[in-house]
Amino acid sequence: MRLNIITPSYPLPVKEGYAISMVIKTFRGHKYVEVHLFRPDCEDSRDAQSYDWTKLLGDPIDKNISSDPLGSRKVLLESFTLEERDMVIDYMKKRYISRLSAINSRPLQFPIPLGLIPLSEIPEDGDVGCIHFEEIHNYTLPFPVHGLYILSQHKEATDQPQPKGEMDDSARKTLE
C-alpha cells in the first residue's frame, strides 16, 4: 500500500484543511475505487463563527454564475485537522491495509473557491455511494467518517479470481 501524504508549503490559516482519500483494490465489482473521506458532522463539531471567511474563501469557480458561499464553507469544515488526518490514516492502515492500494492526503488550497459542492450534499444513487465507517463493527475513531465514491469512474473488475487481499462484494460488508 502506498502512502501519499503532501504537507502544506505554508501554515494553514485554520485548523481544518486536510483532505484524505483512499483507493480500495476491489469494491462493488470495480477495481481501484477512490473513496473521498470527510467529516459528516462538521456543522455540529466546529465553531465556524470565529473564522474570517472573507480571507478563507476566494473567487467563484464560474464568475457567470451566482455562487452561494455556504457550500464552499462546508467543504472546508468537512475536511480534517492535522490530528484527525493522522488518526484516520493510522486507523485505515491498521484496519484495511490488505484491501487498500493507497491512502492520499493533501492540504486544501486557500482561498477556497466559491461554488463548491460539499461531499455530504452529493446525492447517492446506484453509481454514487457513501460508506459510513462509524457504522462498521469495531469502529474506534472518536468522530464519524464517511467516504464518497463514484463507481462509474473506475474499471469494472473481471470475472477472474481476485488476488489475495482484494475485496469482493461479499467481503465489502466490513467496509459498510
Protein backbone atom coordinates (compact mmCIF):
# COMPACT_ATOMS: atom_id res chain seq x y z
CA MET A 1 0.00 0.00 0.00
CA ARG A 2 1.27 3.46 -0.92
CA LEU A 3 1.02 6.43 1.41
CA ASN A 4 0.94 9.72 -0.48
CA ILE A 5 0.97 12.46 2.13
CA ILE A 6 1.54 16.01 0.92
CA THR A 7 2.39 18.51 3.61
CA PRO A 8 1.45 22.17 3.22
CA SER A 9 4.12 24.52 1.93
CA TYR A 10 2.80 27.19 4.31
CA PRO A 11 0.85 27.09 7.59
CA LEU A 12 -2.86 26.61 7.01
CA PRO A 13 -4.98 29.60 8.10
CA VAL A 14 -7.31 27.38 10.18
CA LYS A 15 -7.01 24.02 11.91
CA GLU A 16 -9.11 22.18 9.29
CA GLY A 17 -7.98 21.87 5.73
CA TYR A 18 -6.60 18.36 5.18
CA ALA A 19 -8.27 16.18 2.53
CA ILE A 20 -7.98 12.39 2.58
CA SER A 21 -8.83 9.76 0.01
CA MET A 22 -8.09 6.07 -0.19
CA VAL A 23 -8.09 3.57 -3.03
CA ILE A 24 -9.82 0.21 -2.46
CA LYS A 25 -8.37 -2.55 -4.65
CA THR A 26 -11.77 -4.09 -5.46
CA PHE A 27 -15.12 -2.70 -4.34
CA ARG A 28 -18.65 -3.43 -5.57
CA GLY A 29 -17.38 -5.06 -8.73
CA HIS A 30 -14.95 -2.27 -9.65
CA LYS A 31 -11.19 -2.04 -9.44
CA TYR A 32 -9.17 0.61 -7.62
CA VAL A 33 -12.11 2.66 -6.38
CA GLU A 34 -11.12 6.02 -4.93
CA VAL A 35 -13.09 6.95 -1.81
CA HIS A 36 -13.04 10.57 -0.63
CA LEU A 37 -13.22 10.78 3.16
CA PHE A 38 -14.96 13.58 5.04
CA ARG A 39 -16.42 14.64 8.39
CA PRO A 40 -20.24 14.39 8.14
CA ASP A 41 -20.75 16.14 11.48
CA CYS A 42 -18.80 19.25 10.56
CA GLU A 43 -21.55 21.72 11.46
CA ASP A 44 -22.02 20.27 14.93
CA SER A 45 -18.39 19.88 15.92
CA ARG A 46 -16.75 23.04 14.68
CA ASP A 47 -17.17 26.69 15.58
CA ALA A 48 -17.16 28.27 12.13
CA GLN A 49 -18.40 31.56 13.59
CA SER A 50 -14.86 32.52 14.61
CA TYR A 51 -13.34 32.19 11.12
CA ASP A 52 -12.68 35.17 8.90
CA TRP A 53 -14.43 33.74 5.86
CA THR A 54 -13.50 36.75 3.71
CA LYS A 55 -9.89 35.53 3.86
CA LEU A 56 -10.65 31.82 3.59
CA LEU A 57 -12.95 31.96 0.55
CA GLY A 58 -11.91 33.25 -2.84
CA ASP A 59 -13.48 33.99 -6.19
CA PRO A 60 -16.25 31.86 -7.70
CA ILE A 61 -15.32 28.90 -9.88
CA ASP A 62 -17.57 30.36 -12.59
CA LYS A 63 -17.91 34.14 -12.50
CA ASN A 64 -21.04 33.91 -14.70
CA ILE A 65 -23.00 32.00 -12.05
CA SER A 66 -24.02 33.32 -8.66
CA SER A 67 -22.22 31.24 -6.01
CA ASP A 68 -23.51 30.61 -2.51
CA PRO A 69 -20.55 30.67 -0.08
CA LEU A 70 -22.17 28.11 2.26
CA GLY A 71 -21.15 25.14 0.08
CA SER A 72 -17.51 26.18 0.00
CA ARG A 73 -17.57 26.87 3.74
CA LYS A 74 -18.87 23.35 4.32
CA VAL A 75 -16.15 21.88 2.07
CA LEU A 76 -13.58 23.31 4.47
CA LEU A 77 -15.47 22.14 7.55
CA GLU A 78 -15.82 18.60 6.15
CA SER A 79 -12.02 18.36 5.92
CA PHE A 80 -9.82 17.15 8.73
CA THR A 81 -7.46 18.77 11.21
CA LEU A 82 -3.87 17.55 11.17
CA GLU A 83 -4.50 15.44 14.28
CA GLU A 84 -7.70 13.96 12.77
CA ARG A 85 -5.92 13.28 9.48
CA ASP A 86 -3.22 11.31 11.27
CA MET A 87 -5.81 9.38 13.29
CA VAL A 88 -7.81 8.48 10.16
CA ILE A 89 -4.72 7.39 8.22
CA ASP A 90 -3.47 5.24 11.12
CA TYR A 91 -6.91 3.67 11.50
CA MET A 92 -7.29 2.90 7.79
CA LYS A 93 -3.75 1.49 7.59
CA LYS A 94 -4.32 -0.85 10.53
CA ARG A 95 -7.86 -1.90 9.68
CA TYR A 96 -7.81 -2.15 5.87
CA ILE A 97 -4.15 -2.45 4.81
CA SER A 98 -4.72 -5.64 2.78
CA ARG A 99 -7.67 -4.09 0.91
CA LEU A 100 -6.17 -0.70 0.07
CA SER A 101 -3.69 0.17 -2.65
CA ALA A 102 -3.17 3.77 -1.47
CA ILE A 103 -4.04 6.41 1.07
CA ASN A 104 -3.69 10.01 -0.13
CA SER A 105 -3.77 13.26 1.78
CA ARG A 106 -3.11 16.85 0.85
CA PRO A 107 -3.96 20.26 2.22
CA LEU A 108 -6.76 22.25 0.64
CA GLN A 109 -5.64 25.27 -1.34
CA PHE A 110 -6.58 28.63 0.09
CA PRO A 111 -8.52 30.68 -0.65
CA ILE A 112 -11.19 28.09 -1.35
CA PRO A 113 -13.20 28.99 -4.45
CA LEU A 114 -16.90 29.74 -4.16
CA GLY A 115 -19.34 27.39 -5.83
CA LEU A 116 -18.04 24.07 -4.49
CA ILE A 117 -20.44 21.30 -3.50
CA PRO A 118 -19.72 19.57 -0.18
CA LEU A 119 -19.27 15.80 -0.35
CA SER A 120 -22.11 15.32 2.12
CA GLU A 121 -24.52 17.02 -0.29
CA ILE A 122 -23.80 14.84 -3.33
CA PRO A 123 -26.87 12.62 -3.78
CA GLU A 124 -26.41 8.85 -3.69
CA ASP A 125 -27.73 6.57 -6.42
CA GLY A 126 -26.65 3.27 -7.98
CA ASP A 127 -23.36 4.78 -9.10
CA VAL A 128 -22.56 7.26 -6.32
CA GLY A 129 -22.47 5.98 -2.77
CA CYS A 130 -21.24 6.72 0.70
CA ILE A 131 -19.56 4.44 3.22
CA HIS A 132 -20.48 5.25 6.83
CA PHE A 133 -17.38 3.96 8.59
CA GLU A 134 -18.72 4.66 12.08
CA GLU A 135 -21.47 2.08 11.46
CA ILE A 136 -18.95 -0.70 10.80
CA HIS A 137 -18.34 -3.15 13.63
CA ASN A 138 -15.31 -2.31 15.83
CA TYR A 139 -15.01 1.28 14.63
CA THR A 140 -12.65 3.05 17.03
CA LEU A 141 -12.24 6.66 15.89
CA PRO A 142 -13.78 9.27 18.25
CA PHE A 143 -15.60 11.02 15.38
CA PRO A 144 -17.63 9.81 12.38
CA VAL A 145 -16.02 9.46 8.96
CA HIS A 146 -17.85 8.96 5.67
CA GLY A 147 -16.40 8.08 2.30
CA LEU A 148 -17.89 9.11 -1.04
CA TYR A 149 -17.24 7.01 -4.15
CA ILE A 150 -18.36 7.11 -7.78
CA LEU A 151 -18.23 3.64 -9.31
CA SER A 152 -18.51 4.73 -12.96
CA GLN A 153 -15.14 6.46 -12.67
CA HIS A 154 -13.44 3.08 -12.21
CA LYS A 155 -12.98 -0.02 -14.37
CA GLU A 156 -15.19 -2.97 -13.69
CA ALA A 157 -13.45 -5.96 -12.19
CA THR A 158 -13.21 -9.03 -14.42
CA ASP A 159 -14.58 -12.42 -13.50
CA GLN A 160 -11.04 -13.67 -12.84
CA PRO A 161 -10.27 -14.83 -9.31
CA GLN A 162 -9.30 -11.94 -7.07
CA PRO A 163 -5.76 -11.83 -5.75
CA LYS A 164 -5.42 -12.42 -2.03
CA GLY A 165 -6.35 -9.35 0.00
CA GLU A 166 -8.77 -7.86 -2.51
CA MET A 167 -12.39 -7.34 -1.61
CA ASP A 168 -15.35 -8.70 -3.49
CA ASP A 169 -18.98 -7.78 -2.92
CA SER A 170 -19.43 -10.42 -0.23
CA ALA A 171 -16.46 -9.12 1.77
CA ARG A 172 -17.29 -5.43 1.37
CA LYS A 173 -19.59 -5.56 4.35
CA THR A 174 -16.55 -4.94 6.51
CA LEU A 175 -16.35 -1.53 4.87
CA GLU A 176 -20.04 -0.76 5.12
